[in-house]
């Protein structure tokens, strides 16, 4: 059977369990663009990362890569999925929200959509 391993002739069978896939990213949510009352800064996107509640927790994610994966109508390279890449720049406020800068500005259609905050590049 797959995943089993025999140790010896008289010994009991030790069953090695197959590993679950490891998620190499933290789940995040795109909140919107950085803004003031009358001004919107399209080049800076605000993200809420799951499990991050303080400014100190958010500091660990500075420099990490962010991927916004979305589905398009037209198929390119045998896939309808596309990715917009960005980078976490710094924290925003005291509640764990971070600022990110993407290579191309995030469209307003993406506000409220999930994103992936990768665990790389790592400093540990």
N, C-alpha and C. Protein backbone atom coordinates (compact mmCIF):
# COMPACT_ATOMS: atom_id res chain seq x y z
N UNK A 1 0.84 -1.18 0.00
CA UNK A 1 0.00 0.00 0.00
C UNK A 1 0.88 1.24 0.00
N UNK A 2 0.44 2.30 -0.66
CA UNK A 2 1.25 3.51 -0.77
C UNK A 2 1.42 4.15 0.60
N UNK A 3 2.63 4.57 0.91
CA UNK A 3 2.90 5.25 2.17
C UNK A 3 3.33 4.33 3.30
N UNK A 4 3.35 3.00 3.08
CA UNK A 4 3.77 2.07 4.13
C UNK A 4 5.26 1.80 4.04
N UNK A 5 5.83 1.41 5.19
CA UNK A 5 7.26 1.14 5.24
C UNK A 5 7.50 -0.02 6.19
N UNK A 6 8.17 -1.09 5.70
CA UNK A 6 8.51 -2.24 6.55
C UNK A 6 9.84 -1.99 7.22
N UNK A 7 9.93 -2.32 8.52
CA UNK A 7 11.17 -2.09 9.25
C UNK A 7 11.97 -3.38 9.40
N UNK A 8 11.37 -4.47 9.77
CA UNK A 8 12.11 -5.72 9.93
C UNK A 8 11.18 -6.90 9.70
N UNK A 9 11.77 -8.14 9.76
CA UNK A 9 10.97 -9.34 9.51
C UNK A 9 9.97 -9.57 10.65
N UNK A 10 10.44 -9.43 11.90
CA UNK A 10 9.56 -9.70 13.03
C UNK A 10 8.88 -8.47 13.59
N UNK A 11 9.29 -7.31 13.16
CA UNK A 11 8.74 -6.08 13.72
C UNK A 11 7.38 -5.76 13.09
N UNK A 12 6.63 -4.95 13.82
CA UNK A 12 5.32 -4.52 13.31
C UNK A 12 5.52 -3.53 12.18
N UNK A 13 4.50 -3.42 11.35
CA UNK A 13 4.55 -2.48 10.25
C UNK A 13 4.40 -1.05 10.79
N UNK A 14 5.30 -0.19 10.39
CA UNK A 14 5.18 1.23 10.73
C UNK A 14 4.58 1.93 9.52
N UNK A 15 3.44 2.53 9.72
CA UNK A 15 2.76 3.19 8.62
C UNK A 15 3.22 4.64 8.56
N UNK A 16 3.85 4.99 7.45
CA UNK A 16 4.29 6.36 7.26
C UNK A 16 3.16 7.11 6.55
N UNK A 17 2.66 8.14 7.19
CA UNK A 17 1.55 8.89 6.61
C UNK A 17 2.07 9.83 5.54
N UNK A 18 1.28 9.96 4.48
CA UNK A 18 1.66 10.88 3.42
C UNK A 18 1.44 12.30 3.92
N UNK A 19 2.35 13.19 3.53
CA UNK A 19 2.30 14.57 3.99
C UNK A 19 1.18 15.34 3.30
N UNK A 20 0.58 16.25 4.05
CA UNK A 20 -0.37 17.18 3.47
C UNK A 20 0.42 18.24 2.72
N UNK A 21 -0.14 18.83 1.69
CA UNK A 21 0.58 19.90 1.00
C UNK A 21 0.76 21.11 1.93
N UNK A 22 1.92 21.72 1.85
CA UNK A 22 2.24 22.85 2.71
C UNK A 22 1.96 24.14 1.94
N UNK A 23 1.21 25.04 2.56
CA UNK A 23 0.90 26.32 1.93
C UNK A 23 2.05 27.28 2.21
N UNK A 24 2.68 27.79 1.18
CA UNK A 24 3.83 28.67 1.33
C UNK A 24 3.45 30.14 1.31
N UNK A 25 2.21 30.44 1.63
CA UNK A 25 1.79 31.83 1.65
C UNK A 25 0.76 32.05 2.75
N UNK A 26 0.63 33.28 3.17
CA UNK A 26 -0.41 33.68 4.12
C UNK A 26 -1.55 34.29 3.32
N UNK A 27 -2.76 34.04 3.76
CA UNK A 27 -3.91 34.60 3.07
C UNK A 27 -4.07 36.07 3.43
N UNK A 28 -4.39 36.85 2.43
CA UNK A 28 -4.57 38.28 2.65
C UNK A 28 -5.80 38.78 1.93
N UNK A 29 -6.15 40.03 2.19
CA UNK A 29 -7.33 40.65 1.60
C UNK A 29 -6.93 42.04 1.10
N UNK A 30 -7.30 42.36 -0.12
CA UNK A 30 -7.02 43.68 -0.67
C UNK A 30 -8.11 44.63 -0.19
N UNK A 31 -7.71 45.66 0.55
CA UNK A 31 -8.68 46.60 1.11
C UNK A 31 -8.97 47.76 0.16
N UNK A 32 -7.96 48.26 -0.50
CA UNK A 32 -8.15 49.39 -1.39
C UNK A 32 -6.85 50.15 -1.55
N UNK A 33 -6.96 51.34 -2.16
CA UNK A 33 -5.79 52.19 -2.31
C UNK A 33 -5.59 53.04 -1.07
N UNK A 34 -4.35 53.47 -0.84
CA UNK A 34 -4.08 54.44 0.21
C UNK A 34 -4.75 55.74 -0.22
N UNK A 35 -5.37 56.44 0.72
CA UNK A 35 -6.07 57.67 0.35
C UNK A 35 -6.22 58.62 1.52
N UNK A 36 -6.52 59.85 1.18
CA UNK A 36 -6.92 60.85 2.16
C UNK A 36 -8.37 61.20 1.85
N UNK A 37 -8.85 62.28 2.39
CA UNK A 37 -10.25 62.62 2.19
C UNK A 37 -10.60 62.83 0.71
N UNK A 38 -9.75 63.55 0.01
CA UNK A 38 -10.08 63.88 -1.38
C UNK A 38 -9.08 63.34 -2.38
N UNK A 39 -8.01 62.70 -1.90
CA UNK A 39 -6.94 62.25 -2.78
C UNK A 39 -6.79 60.74 -2.68
N UNK A 40 -6.53 60.09 -3.80
CA UNK A 40 -6.30 58.65 -3.82
C UNK A 40 -4.91 58.38 -4.39
N UNK A 41 -4.15 57.51 -3.70
CA UNK A 41 -2.82 57.15 -4.15
C UNK A 41 -2.89 55.76 -4.77
N UNK A 42 -3.03 55.70 -6.08
CA UNK A 42 -3.27 54.44 -6.78
C UNK A 42 -2.08 53.49 -6.73
N UNK A 43 -0.89 54.02 -6.55
CA UNK A 43 0.29 53.17 -6.59
C UNK A 43 0.51 52.40 -5.30
N UNK A 44 -0.23 52.74 -4.24
CA UNK A 44 -0.08 52.06 -2.95
C UNK A 44 -1.38 51.35 -2.60
N UNK A 45 -1.30 50.06 -2.33
CA UNK A 45 -2.46 49.24 -2.01
C UNK A 45 -2.41 48.81 -0.55
N UNK A 46 -3.54 48.84 0.13
CA UNK A 46 -3.62 48.40 1.52
C UNK A 46 -4.07 46.95 1.58
N UNK A 47 -3.37 46.14 2.38
CA UNK A 47 -3.69 44.72 2.52
C UNK A 47 -3.91 44.37 3.99
N UNK A 48 -4.86 43.47 4.22
CA UNK A 48 -5.08 42.92 5.56
C UNK A 48 -4.65 41.46 5.50
N UNK A 49 -3.68 41.07 6.33
CA UNK A 49 -3.15 39.71 6.33
C UNK A 49 -3.76 38.93 7.49
N UNK A 50 -4.22 37.71 7.22
CA UNK A 50 -4.84 36.88 8.25
C UNK A 50 -3.87 36.63 9.40
N UNK A 51 -4.35 36.81 10.63
CA UNK A 51 -3.54 36.53 11.82
C UNK A 51 -2.63 37.66 12.23
N UNK A 52 -2.60 38.75 11.49
CA UNK A 52 -1.75 39.89 11.83
C UNK A 52 -2.63 40.96 12.46
N UNK A 53 -2.37 41.27 13.73
CA UNK A 53 -3.21 42.21 14.46
C UNK A 53 -2.46 43.43 14.99
N UNK A 54 -1.14 43.41 14.96
CA UNK A 54 -0.36 44.52 15.51
C UNK A 54 0.66 45.01 14.49
N UNK A 55 1.18 46.19 14.77
CA UNK A 55 2.20 46.78 13.91
C UNK A 55 3.48 45.94 13.93
N UNK A 56 3.79 45.33 15.09
CA UNK A 56 5.00 44.51 15.22
C UNK A 56 4.88 43.23 14.38
N UNK A 57 3.69 42.62 14.38
CA UNK A 57 3.47 41.44 13.54
C UNK A 57 3.60 41.79 12.06
N UNK A 58 3.08 42.95 11.69
CA UNK A 58 3.11 43.37 10.29
C UNK A 58 4.54 43.64 9.82
N UNK A 59 5.41 44.04 10.74
CA UNK A 59 6.79 44.37 10.36
C UNK A 59 7.51 43.15 9.80
N UNK A 60 7.13 41.94 10.23
CA UNK A 60 7.77 40.72 9.73
C UNK A 60 7.51 40.53 8.24
N UNK A 61 6.37 41.02 7.76
CA UNK A 61 5.99 40.82 6.36
C UNK A 61 6.61 41.86 5.42
N UNK A 62 7.32 42.85 5.95
CA UNK A 62 7.94 43.86 5.09
C UNK A 62 8.94 43.20 4.15
N UNK A 63 8.82 43.48 2.87
CA UNK A 63 9.71 42.90 1.87
C UNK A 63 9.20 41.61 1.26
N UNK A 64 8.13 41.03 1.82
CA UNK A 64 7.58 39.78 1.28
C UNK A 64 6.84 40.06 -0.02
N UNK A 65 6.79 39.05 -0.89
CA UNK A 65 6.12 39.17 -2.18
C UNK A 65 4.62 38.91 -2.03
N UNK A 66 3.83 39.63 -2.82
CA UNK A 66 2.37 39.51 -2.80
C UNK A 66 1.90 39.13 -4.20
N UNK A 67 0.98 38.17 -4.27
CA UNK A 67 0.42 37.76 -5.56
C UNK A 67 -1.10 37.93 -5.52
N UNK A 68 -1.62 38.68 -6.48
CA UNK A 68 -3.06 38.78 -6.67
C UNK A 68 -3.39 37.91 -7.88
N UNK A 69 -4.03 36.77 -7.62
CA UNK A 69 -4.37 35.81 -8.68
C UNK A 69 -5.82 36.02 -9.07
N UNK A 70 -6.05 36.20 -10.36
CA UNK A 70 -7.42 36.41 -10.83
C UNK A 70 -7.65 35.62 -12.11
N UNK A 71 -8.90 35.51 -12.49
CA UNK A 71 -9.27 34.72 -13.66
C UNK A 71 -9.74 35.67 -14.76
N UNK A 72 -9.19 35.46 -15.96
CA UNK A 72 -9.56 36.28 -17.12
C UNK A 72 -10.34 35.43 -18.11
N UNK A 73 -11.00 36.08 -19.06
CA UNK A 73 -11.77 35.35 -20.06
C UNK A 73 -10.88 34.68 -21.09
N UNK A 74 -9.91 35.41 -21.61
CA UNK A 74 -9.06 34.91 -22.68
C UNK A 74 -7.97 34.01 -22.12
N UNK A 75 -7.78 32.86 -22.77
CA UNK A 75 -6.76 31.92 -22.33
C UNK A 75 -5.41 32.29 -22.92
N UNK A 76 -4.40 32.41 -22.06
CA UNK A 76 -3.03 32.72 -22.47
C UNK A 76 -2.11 31.65 -21.90
N UNK A 77 -1.30 31.03 -22.74
CA UNK A 77 -0.40 29.94 -22.34
C UNK A 77 -1.16 28.82 -21.63
N UNK A 78 -2.29 28.43 -22.20
CA UNK A 78 -3.14 27.33 -21.71
C UNK A 78 -3.68 27.54 -20.31
N UNK A 79 -3.85 28.79 -19.88
CA UNK A 79 -4.40 29.07 -18.56
C UNK A 79 -5.22 30.35 -18.60
N UNK A 80 -6.33 30.34 -17.87
CA UNK A 80 -7.15 31.54 -17.76
C UNK A 80 -6.78 32.35 -16.52
N UNK A 81 -5.86 31.83 -15.71
CA UNK A 81 -5.46 32.53 -14.50
C UNK A 81 -4.30 33.47 -14.79
N UNK A 82 -4.34 34.64 -14.17
CA UNK A 82 -3.27 35.63 -14.32
C UNK A 82 -2.84 36.07 -12.92
N UNK A 83 -1.66 36.63 -12.84
CA UNK A 83 -1.11 37.05 -11.55
C UNK A 83 -0.55 38.46 -11.66
N UNK A 84 -0.82 39.27 -10.65
CA UNK A 84 -0.19 40.58 -10.52
C UNK A 84 0.71 40.50 -9.29
N UNK A 85 1.99 40.81 -9.46
CA UNK A 85 2.96 40.69 -8.38
C UNK A 85 3.26 42.04 -7.75
N UNK A 86 3.46 42.00 -6.43
CA UNK A 86 3.83 43.20 -5.70
C UNK A 86 4.70 42.86 -4.52
N UNK A 87 4.96 43.86 -3.69
CA UNK A 87 5.83 43.68 -2.54
C UNK A 87 5.28 44.48 -1.36
N UNK A 88 5.30 43.87 -0.17
CA UNK A 88 4.88 44.58 1.04
C UNK A 88 5.95 45.60 1.37
N UNK A 89 5.56 46.86 1.53
CA UNK A 89 6.51 47.93 1.77
C UNK A 89 6.67 48.25 3.26
N UNK A 90 5.55 48.45 3.96
CA UNK A 90 5.60 48.85 5.37
C UNK A 90 4.23 48.66 5.98
N UNK A 91 4.13 48.88 7.30
CA UNK A 91 2.83 48.75 7.95
C UNK A 91 2.05 50.04 7.77
N UNK A 92 0.75 49.96 8.01
CA UNK A 92 -0.14 51.10 7.85
C UNK A 92 -1.06 51.15 9.07
N UNK A 93 -0.80 52.05 9.98
CA UNK A 93 -1.59 52.12 11.21
C UNK A 93 -1.09 51.12 12.23
N UNK A 94 -1.90 50.89 13.26
CA UNK A 94 -1.48 50.04 14.38
C UNK A 94 -2.23 48.71 14.44
N UNK A 95 -3.07 48.42 13.45
CA UNK A 95 -3.92 47.23 13.54
C UNK A 95 -3.50 46.10 12.61
N UNK A 96 -2.27 46.15 12.08
CA UNK A 96 -1.78 45.05 11.27
C UNK A 96 -2.00 45.18 9.78
N UNK A 97 -2.55 46.28 9.31
CA UNK A 97 -2.71 46.50 7.88
C UNK A 97 -1.35 46.90 7.31
N UNK A 98 -1.05 46.45 6.08
CA UNK A 98 0.23 46.78 5.46
C UNK A 98 0.00 47.49 4.13
N UNK A 99 1.03 48.23 3.72
CA UNK A 99 1.02 48.88 2.40
C UNK A 99 1.83 48.03 1.45
N UNK A 100 1.33 47.89 0.24
CA UNK A 100 2.04 47.12 -0.78
C UNK A 100 2.10 47.92 -2.07
N UNK A 101 3.14 47.67 -2.84
CA UNK A 101 3.28 48.32 -4.15
C UNK A 101 3.36 47.22 -5.19
N UNK A 102 2.48 47.26 -6.17
CA UNK A 102 2.44 46.27 -7.24
C UNK A 102 3.13 46.83 -8.48
N UNK A 103 3.59 45.93 -9.35
CA UNK A 103 4.25 46.36 -10.58
C UNK A 103 3.32 47.19 -11.44
N UNK A 104 2.07 46.76 -11.54
CA UNK A 104 1.03 47.56 -12.17
C UNK A 104 -0.01 47.84 -11.09
N UNK A 105 -0.61 49.00 -11.09
CA UNK A 105 -1.56 49.36 -10.04
C UNK A 105 -2.75 48.40 -10.03
N UNK A 106 -3.19 48.06 -8.83
CA UNK A 106 -4.32 47.14 -8.66
C UNK A 106 -5.61 47.84 -9.11
N UNK A 107 -6.43 47.18 -9.93
CA UNK A 107 -7.69 47.79 -10.36
C UNK A 107 -8.73 47.76 -9.24
N UNK A 108 -9.66 48.70 -9.22
CA UNK A 108 -10.69 48.73 -8.17
C UNK A 108 -11.56 47.48 -8.12
N UNK A 109 -11.61 46.73 -9.22
CA UNK A 109 -12.35 45.46 -9.25
C UNK A 109 -11.80 44.48 -8.22
N UNK A 110 -10.53 44.64 -7.86
CA UNK A 110 -9.86 43.72 -6.94
C UNK A 110 -10.10 44.04 -5.47
N UNK A 111 -10.73 45.17 -5.17
CA UNK A 111 -10.95 45.54 -3.76
C UNK A 111 -11.86 44.51 -3.10
N UNK A 112 -11.43 43.97 -1.98
CA UNK A 112 -12.19 42.94 -1.27
C UNK A 112 -11.83 41.53 -1.72
N UNK A 113 -10.96 41.41 -2.71
CA UNK A 113 -10.57 40.09 -3.23
C UNK A 113 -9.41 39.52 -2.42
N UNK A 114 -9.28 38.19 -2.39
CA UNK A 114 -8.15 37.59 -1.67
C UNK A 114 -6.85 37.73 -2.44
N UNK A 115 -5.75 37.73 -1.70
CA UNK A 115 -4.42 37.73 -2.30
C UNK A 115 -3.53 36.80 -1.48
N UNK A 116 -2.36 36.51 -2.00
CA UNK A 116 -1.42 35.61 -1.33
C UNK A 116 -0.17 36.40 -0.94
N UNK A 117 0.17 36.35 0.34
CA UNK A 117 1.41 36.98 0.81
C UNK A 117 2.42 35.86 0.99
N UNK A 118 3.40 35.80 0.11
CA UNK A 118 4.37 34.70 0.11
C UNK A 118 5.31 34.79 1.31
N UNK A 119 5.84 33.64 1.72
CA UNK A 119 6.74 33.60 2.87
C UNK A 119 8.19 33.84 2.45
N UNK A 120 8.40 34.36 1.26
CA UNK A 120 9.74 34.64 0.78
C UNK A 120 9.76 36.04 0.18
N UNK A 121 10.86 36.72 0.11
CA UNK A 121 12.18 36.33 0.62
C UNK A 121 12.20 36.34 2.15
N UNK A 122 12.87 35.34 2.73
CA UNK A 122 12.87 35.20 4.19
C UNK A 122 14.17 35.74 4.78
N UNK A 123 14.06 36.33 5.95
CA UNK A 123 15.24 36.87 6.63
C UNK A 123 15.65 36.00 7.81
N UNK A 124 14.97 34.84 7.97
CA UNK A 124 15.33 33.93 9.08
C UNK A 124 15.93 32.65 8.54
